[in-house]
Amino acid sequence: MFSLRDFLFILCLSWRVLSAPLPGILSTNKEFLQINKEFSRKITRDAEKLKNLMCDNHGLCEKSELTLIQEHLQLPDVPLGQCQAGSFSQEGCFSQLSNGLQELQRRVVAMPGHLPEADLQRLEKDISDLLVNIQEEMEAQGITAQSSPSQALPTYSKGFHKKVAMFLILSDLASTMGTLQSLLG
């Protein structure tokens, strides 16, 4: 038979296991999940709308066609490896999302010009608000972001490169939001 101490230990251990987020889910906080799933959908819609403008106005329609230019522009996608199935780490994923959103926000602000300014400002504000929500949830869970150093954004002298860079940033943002939506359940 179990002693009272053994029983309490097993009870505490069971509670921690049952209250832990499922692998591939960021949090058990239903309010956080619901609010940010809707928020990420809004950002995705806005990014897709702006990508469609880039397609209609500049003929930039498929990210796959721009892979070589992306390498030349030195504009890598935001890393989210610790958010993927099989390598999911809650702390690592939160850190990558936090760092990635900061980087995407920086990129959106740095590449104005070829899209309506009001739409870009709204997108930047939405990214900022989502970032605050993620950081607050990290704090609530006792997770400290592992900061990654910001890389200096390259400057582009050619208008075409600026347009491609903005299209790639919007594509990466939409992809990041898709990953986030899957992590929010």
C-alpha atoms as a PDB file:
ATOM      1  CA  MET A   1       0.000   0.000   0.000  1.00  0.00           C
ATOM      2  CA  PHE A   2       0.944   3.612  -0.454  1.00  0.00           C
ATOM      3  CA  SER A   3       1.807   5.868   2.403  1.00  0.00           C
ATOM      4  CA  LEU A   4       0.125   9.250   2.626  1.00  0.00           C
ATOM      5  CA  ARG A   5       3.349  10.887   1.423  1.00  0.00           C
ATOM      6  CA  ASP A   6       3.519   8.568  -1.612  1.00  0.00           C
ATOM      7  CA  PHE A   7      -0.126   9.241  -2.382  1.00  0.00           C
ATOM      8  CA  LEU A   8       0.372  13.024  -2.213  1.00  0.00           C
ATOM      9  CA  PHE A   9       3.465  12.767  -4.403  1.00  0.00           C
ATOM     10  CA  ILE A  10       1.582  10.763  -7.031  1.00  0.00           C
ATOM     11  CA  LEU A  11      -1.358  13.159  -6.822  1.00  0.00           C
ATOM     12  CA  CYS A  12       0.918  16.198  -7.358  1.00  0.00           C
ATOM     13  CA  LEU A  13       2.743  14.474 -10.194  1.00  0.00           C
ATOM     14  CA  SER A  14      -0.548  13.530 -11.855  1.00  0.00           C
ATOM     15  CA  TRP A  15      -1.839  17.078 -11.549  1.00  0.00           C
ATOM     16  CA  ARG A  16       1.319  18.491 -13.204  1.00  0.00           C
ATOM     17  CA  VAL A  17       1.128  15.961 -16.023  1.00  0.00           C
ATOM     18  CA  LEU A  18      -2.571  16.575 -16.629  1.00  0.00           C
ATOM     19  CA  SER A  19      -2.206  20.358 -16.516  1.00  0.00           C
ATOM     20  CA  ALA A  20       0.766  20.456 -18.888  1.00  0.00           C
ATOM     21  CA  PRO A  21       0.051  21.477 -22.469  1.00  0.00           C
ATOM     22  CA  LEU A  22      -0.217  18.694 -24.972  1.00  0.00           C
ATOM     23  CA  PRO A  23       2.760  18.248 -27.288  1.00  0.00           C
ATOM     24  CA  GLY A  24       2.332  20.724 -30.110  1.00  0.00           C
ATOM     25  CA  ILE A  25      -0.081  22.946 -28.164  1.00  0.00           C
ATOM     26  CA  LEU A  26       1.322  26.161 -26.709  1.00  0.00           C
ATOM     27  CA  SER A  27      -0.909  26.513 -23.690  1.00  0.00           C
ATOM     28  CA  THR A  28      -3.829  25.124 -21.763  1.00  0.00           C
ATOM     29  CA  ASN A  29      -5.191  28.653 -21.247  1.00  0.00           C
ATOM     30  CA  LYS A  30      -8.382  28.491 -23.307  1.00  0.00           C
ATOM     31  CA  GLU A  31      -8.828  32.267 -23.393  1.00  0.00           C
ATOM     32  CA  PHE A  32      -5.276  32.757 -24.711  1.00  0.00           C
ATOM     33  CA  LEU A  33      -5.828  30.060 -27.335  1.00  0.00           C
ATOM     34  CA  GLN A  34      -9.172  31.418 -28.545  1.00  0.00           C
ATOM     35  CA  ILE A  35      -8.217  35.116 -28.653  1.00  0.00           C
ATOM     36  CA  ASN A  36      -4.924  34.538 -30.411  1.00  0.00           C
ATOM     37  CA  LYS A  37      -6.290  32.028 -32.900  1.00  0.00           C
ATOM     38  CA  GLU A  38      -8.728  34.692 -34.096  1.00  0.00           C
ATOM     39  CA  PHE A  39      -6.002  37.329 -33.976  1.00  0.00           C
ATOM     40  CA  SER A  40      -3.620  35.194 -36.040  1.00  0.00           C
ATOM     41  CA  ARG A  41      -6.398  34.583 -38.578  1.00  0.00           C
ATOM     42  CA  LYS A  42      -6.897  38.343 -38.915  1.00  0.00           C
ATOM     43  CA  ILE A  43      -3.173  38.887 -39.484  1.00  0.00           C
ATOM     44  CA  THR A  44      -3.168  36.075 -42.050  1.00  0.00           C
ATOM     45  CA  ARG A  45      -6.103  37.646 -43.920  1.00  0.00           C
ATOM     46  CA  ASP A  46      -4.405  41.046 -43.918  1.00  0.00           C
ATOM     47  CA  ALA A  47      -1.058  39.602 -45.064  1.00  0.00           C
ATOM     48  CA  GLU A  48      -2.808  37.630 -47.833  1.00  0.00           C
ATOM     49  CA  LYS A  49      -4.706  40.758 -48.927  1.00  0.00           C
ATOM     50  CA  LEU A  50      -1.418  42.660 -49.223  1.00  0.00           C
ATOM     51  CA  LYS A  51       0.219  39.732 -51.034  1.00  0.00           C
ATOM     52  CA  ASN A  52      -2.663  39.783 -53.517  1.00  0.00           C
ATOM     53  CA  LEU A  53      -2.039  43.499 -54.091  1.00  0.00           C
ATOM     54  CA  MET A  54       1.626  42.689 -54.752  1.00  0.00           C
ATOM     55  CA  CYS A  55       0.512  40.018 -57.208  1.00  0.00           C
ATOM     56  CA  ASP A  56      -1.987  42.267 -58.991  1.00  0.00           C
ATOM     57  CA  ASN A  57       0.236  45.337 -59.114  1.00  0.00           C
ATOM     58  CA  HIS A  58       3.713  43.869 -59.523  1.00  0.00           C
ATOM     59  CA  GLY A  59       3.299  40.320 -60.798  1.00  0.00           C
ATOM     60  CA  LEU A  60       4.765  38.848 -57.600  1.00  0.00           C
ATOM     61  CA  CYS A  61       2.482  35.911 -56.954  1.00  0.00           C
ATOM     62  CA  GLU A  62       4.404  32.792 -55.950  1.00  0.00           C
ATOM     63  CA  LYS A  63       7.043  32.580 -53.243  1.00  0.00           C
ATOM     64  CA  SER A  64       8.448  29.407 -54.805  1.00  0.00           C
ATOM     65  CA  GLU A  65       9.387  31.416 -57.901  1.00  0.00           C
ATOM     66  CA  LEU A  66      11.414  33.815 -55.745  1.00  0.00           C
ATOM     67  CA  THR A  67      13.594  31.347 -53.819  1.00  0.00           C
ATOM     68  CA  LEU A  68      16.830  32.269 -55.595  1.00  0.00           C
ATOM     69  CA  ILE A  69      16.131  35.971 -55.216  1.00  0.00           C
ATOM     70  CA  GLN A  70      15.335  35.412 -51.526  1.00  0.00           C
ATOM     71  CA  GLU A  71      18.815  33.943 -51.018  1.00  0.00           C
ATOM     72  CA  HIS A  72      20.368  36.849 -52.934  1.00  0.00           C
ATOM     73  CA  LEU A  73      18.417  39.339 -50.785  1.00  0.00           C
ATOM     74  CA  GLN A  74      19.676  37.612 -47.613  1.00  0.00           C
ATOM     75  CA  LEU A  75      16.175  37.522 -46.175  1.00  0.00           C
ATOM     76  CA  PRO A  76      15.724  34.126 -44.504  1.00  0.00           C
ATOM     77  CA  ASP A  77      12.381  32.865 -43.232  1.00  0.00           C
ATOM     78  CA  VAL A  78      11.711  33.115 -39.509  1.00  0.00           C
ATOM     79  CA  PRO A  79      12.897  29.857 -37.901  1.00  0.00           C
ATOM     80  CA  LEU A  80      10.158  27.848 -36.199  1.00  0.00           C
ATOM     81  CA  GLY A  81      11.828  24.435 -35.962  1.00  0.00           C
ATOM     82  CA  GLN A  82      10.990  24.036 -32.267  1.00  0.00           C
ATOM     83  CA  CYS A  83       7.302  24.536 -33.078  1.00  0.00           C
ATOM     84  CA  GLN A  84       7.165  21.605 -35.493  1.00  0.00           C
ATOM     85  CA  ALA A  85       5.801  18.156 -34.670  1.00  0.00           C
ATOM     86  CA  GLY A  86       8.580  15.819 -33.647  1.00  0.00           C
ATOM     87  CA  SER A  87      10.826  18.610 -32.382  1.00  0.00           C
ATOM     88  CA  PHE A  88       8.230  20.584 -30.409  1.00  0.00           C
ATOM     89  CA  SER A  89       9.528  22.328 -27.321  1.00  0.00           C
ATOM     90  CA  GLN A  90       7.096  24.642 -25.563  1.00  0.00           C
ATOM     91  CA  GLU A  91       9.823  26.966 -24.257  1.00  0.00           C
ATOM     92  CA  GLY A  92      11.739  26.877 -27.532  1.00  0.00           C
ATOM     93  CA  CYS A  93       8.610  27.417 -29.591  1.00  0.00           C
ATOM     94  CA  PHE A  94       7.471  30.368 -27.500  1.00  0.00           C
ATOM     95  CA  SER A  95      10.952  31.872 -27.841  1.00  0.00           C
ATOM     96  CA  GLN A  96      11.023  31.324 -31.589  1.00  0.00           C
ATOM     97  CA  LEU A  97       7.538  32.824 -31.968  1.00  0.00           C
ATOM     98  CA  SER A  98       8.457  35.838 -29.844  1.00  0.00           C
ATOM     99  CA  ASN A  99      11.726  36.429 -31.682  1.00  0.00           C
ATOM    100  CA  GLY A 100      10.114  35.713 -35.055  1.00  0.00           C
ATOM    101  CA  LEU A 101       7.250  38.150 -34.502  1.00  0.00           C
ATOM    102  CA  GLN A 102       9.711  40.839 -33.430  1.00  0.00           C
ATOM    103  CA  GLU A 103      11.742  40.226 -36.577  1.00  0.00           C
ATOM    104  CA  LEU A 104       8.687  40.227 -38.849  1.00  0.00           C
ATOM    105  CA  GLN A 105       7.440  43.434 -37.255  1.00  0.00           C
ATOM    106  CA  ARG A 106      10.842  45.029 -37.849  1.00  0.00           C
ATOM    107  CA  ARG A 107      10.794  43.900 -41.464  1.00  0.00           C
ATOM    108  CA  VAL A 108       7.282  45.207 -42.127  1.00  0.00           C
ATOM    109  CA  VAL A 109       8.276  48.608 -40.737  1.00  0.00           C
ATOM    110  CA  ALA A 110      11.554  48.646 -42.704  1.00  0.00           C
ATOM    111  CA  MET A 111       9.999  47.909 -46.108  1.00  0.00           C
ATOM    112  CA  PRO A 112       7.340  50.574 -46.633  1.00  0.00           C
ATOM    113  CA  GLY A 113       6.511  51.922 -49.989  1.00  0.00           C
ATOM    114  CA  HIS A 114       4.773  49.620 -52.398  1.00  0.00           C
ATOM    115  CA  LEU A 115       1.631  49.035 -50.362  1.00  0.00           C
ATOM    116  CA  PRO A 116      -0.964  51.275 -48.701  1.00  0.00           C
ATOM    117  CA  GLU A 117       0.640  52.849 -45.636  1.00  0.00           C
ATOM    118  CA  ALA A 118      -2.511  52.530 -43.512  1.00  0.00           C
ATOM    119  CA  ASP A 119      -2.665  48.766 -44.189  1.00  0.00           C
ATOM    120  CA  LEU A 120       0.997  48.314 -43.272  1.00  0.00           C
ATOM    121  CA  GLN A 121       0.587  50.346 -40.080  1.00  0.00           C
ATOM    122  CA  ARG A 122      -2.433  48.262 -39.066  1.00  0.00           C
ATOM    123  CA  LEU A 123      -0.510  45.062 -39.807  1.00  0.00           C
ATOM    124  CA  GLU A 124       2.476  46.267 -37.777  1.00  0.00           C
ATOM    125  CA  LYS A 125       0.151  47.169 -34.871  1.00  0.00           C
ATOM    126  CA  ASP A 126      -1.556  43.769 -35.013  1.00  0.00           C
ATOM    127  CA  ILE A 127       1.816  42.002 -34.972  1.00  0.00           C
ATOM    128  CA  SER A 128       2.812  44.132 -31.989  1.00  0.00           C
ATOM    129  CA  ASP A 129      -0.404  43.282 -30.116  1.00  0.00           C
ATOM    130  CA  LEU A 130      -0.022  39.558 -30.849  1.00  0.00           C
ATOM    131  CA  LEU A 131       3.574  39.729 -29.652  1.00  0.00           C
ATOM    132  CA  VAL A 132       2.429  41.291 -26.366  1.00  0.00           C
ATOM    133  CA  ASN A 133      -0.127  38.480 -25.903  1.00  0.00           C
ATOM    134  CA  ILE A 134       2.536  35.830 -26.525  1.00  0.00           C
ATOM    135  CA  GLN A 135       4.984  37.485 -24.143  1.00  0.00           C
ATOM    136  CA  GLU A 136       2.313  37.799 -21.438  1.00  0.00           C
ATOM    137  CA  GLU A 137       1.481  34.091 -21.762  1.00  0.00           C
ATOM    138  CA  MET A 138       5.171  33.249 -21.601  1.00  0.00           C
ATOM    139  CA  GLU A 139       5.454  35.289 -18.421  1.00  0.00           C
ATOM    140  CA  ALA A 140       2.361  33.596 -16.941  1.00  0.00           C
ATOM    141  CA  GLN A 141       3.955  30.210 -17.633  1.00  0.00           C
ATOM    142  CA  GLY A 142       7.350  31.272 -16.287  1.00  0.00           C
ATOM    143  CA  ILE A 143       9.044  31.010 -19.676  1.00  0.00           C
ATOM    144  CA  THR A 144      11.870  33.397 -20.452  1.00  0.00           C
ATOM    145  CA  ALA A 145      12.479  34.158 -24.107  1.00  0.00           C
ATOM    146  CA  GLN A 146      15.810  33.045 -25.426  1.00  0.00           C
ATOM    147  CA  SER A 147      16.666  36.168 -27.377  1.00  0.00           C
ATOM    148  CA  SER A 148      18.248  35.848 -30.744  1.00  0.00           C
ATOM    149  CA  PRO A 149      20.308  38.751 -32.008  1.00  0.00           C
ATOM    150  CA  SER A 150      18.613  40.935 -34.567  1.00  0.00           C
ATOM    151  CA  GLN A 151      20.342  40.972 -37.870  1.00  0.00           C
ATOM    152  CA  ALA A 152      20.753  44.222 -39.696  1.00  0.00           C
ATOM    153  CA  LEU A 153      18.252  44.387 -42.499  1.00  0.00           C
ATOM    154  CA  PRO A 154      19.882  44.667 -45.876  1.00  0.00           C
ATOM    155  CA  THR A 155      19.103  47.789 -47.837  1.00  0.00           C
ATOM    156  CA  TYR A 156      17.991  47.403 -51.397  1.00  0.00           C
ATOM    157  CA  SER A 157      18.710  50.017 -54.021  1.00  0.00           C
ATOM    158  CA  LYS A 158      16.521  48.510 -56.722  1.00  0.00           C
ATOM    159  CA  GLY A 159      12.770  48.968 -56.545  1.00  0.00           C
ATOM    160  CA  PHE A 160      12.257  45.400 -57.747  1.00  0.00           C
ATOM    161  CA  HIS A 161      14.279  44.032 -54.815  1.00  0.00           C
ATOM    162  CA  LYS A 162      12.235  46.099 -52.366  1.00  0.00           C
ATOM    163  CA  LYS A 163       9.012  44.738 -53.841  1.00  0.00           C
ATOM    164  CA  VAL A 164      10.278  41.153 -53.734  1.00  0.00           C
ATOM    165  CA  ALA A 165      11.465  41.636 -50.148  1.00  0.00           C
ATOM    166  CA  MET A 166       8.021  42.881 -49.084  1.00  0.00           C
ATOM    167  CA  PHE A 167       6.286  39.989 -50.832  1.00  0.00           C
ATOM    168  CA  LEU A 168       8.637  37.513 -49.100  1.00  0.00           C
ATOM    169  CA  ILE A 169       8.070  39.169 -45.721  1.00  0.00           C
ATOM    170  CA  LEU A 170       4.298  38.908 -46.179  1.00  0.00           C
ATOM    171  CA  SER A 171       4.646  35.265 -47.265  1.00  0.00           C
ATOM    172  CA  ASP A 172       6.749  34.468 -44.194  1.00  0.00           C
ATOM    173  CA  LEU A 173       4.256  36.277 -41.960  1.00  0.00           C
ATOM    174  CA  ALA A 174       1.345  34.265 -43.401  1.00  0.00           C
ATOM    175  CA  SER A 175       3.321  31.040 -42.962  1.00  0.00           C
ATOM    176  CA  THR A 176       4.220  31.921 -39.371  1.00  0.00           C
ATOM    177  CA  MET A 177       0.557  32.658 -38.640  1.00  0.00           C
ATOM    178  CA  GLY A 178      -0.401  29.268 -40.110  1.00  0.00           C
ATOM    179  CA  THR A 179       2.063  27.555 -37.775  1.00  0.00           C
ATOM    180  CA  LEU A 180       0.749  29.571 -34.840  1.00  0.00           C
ATOM    181  CA  GLN A 181      -2.855  28.678 -35.663  1.00  0.00           C
ATOM    182  CA  SER A 182      -2.009  24.979 -35.615  1.00  0.00           C
ATOM    183  CA  LEU A 183      -0.351  25.405 -32.207  1.00  0.00           C
ATOM    184  CA  LEU A 184      -3.423  27.155 -30.837  1.00  0.00           C
ATOM    185  CA  GLY A 185      -5.605  24.155 -31.552  1.00  0.00           C
END
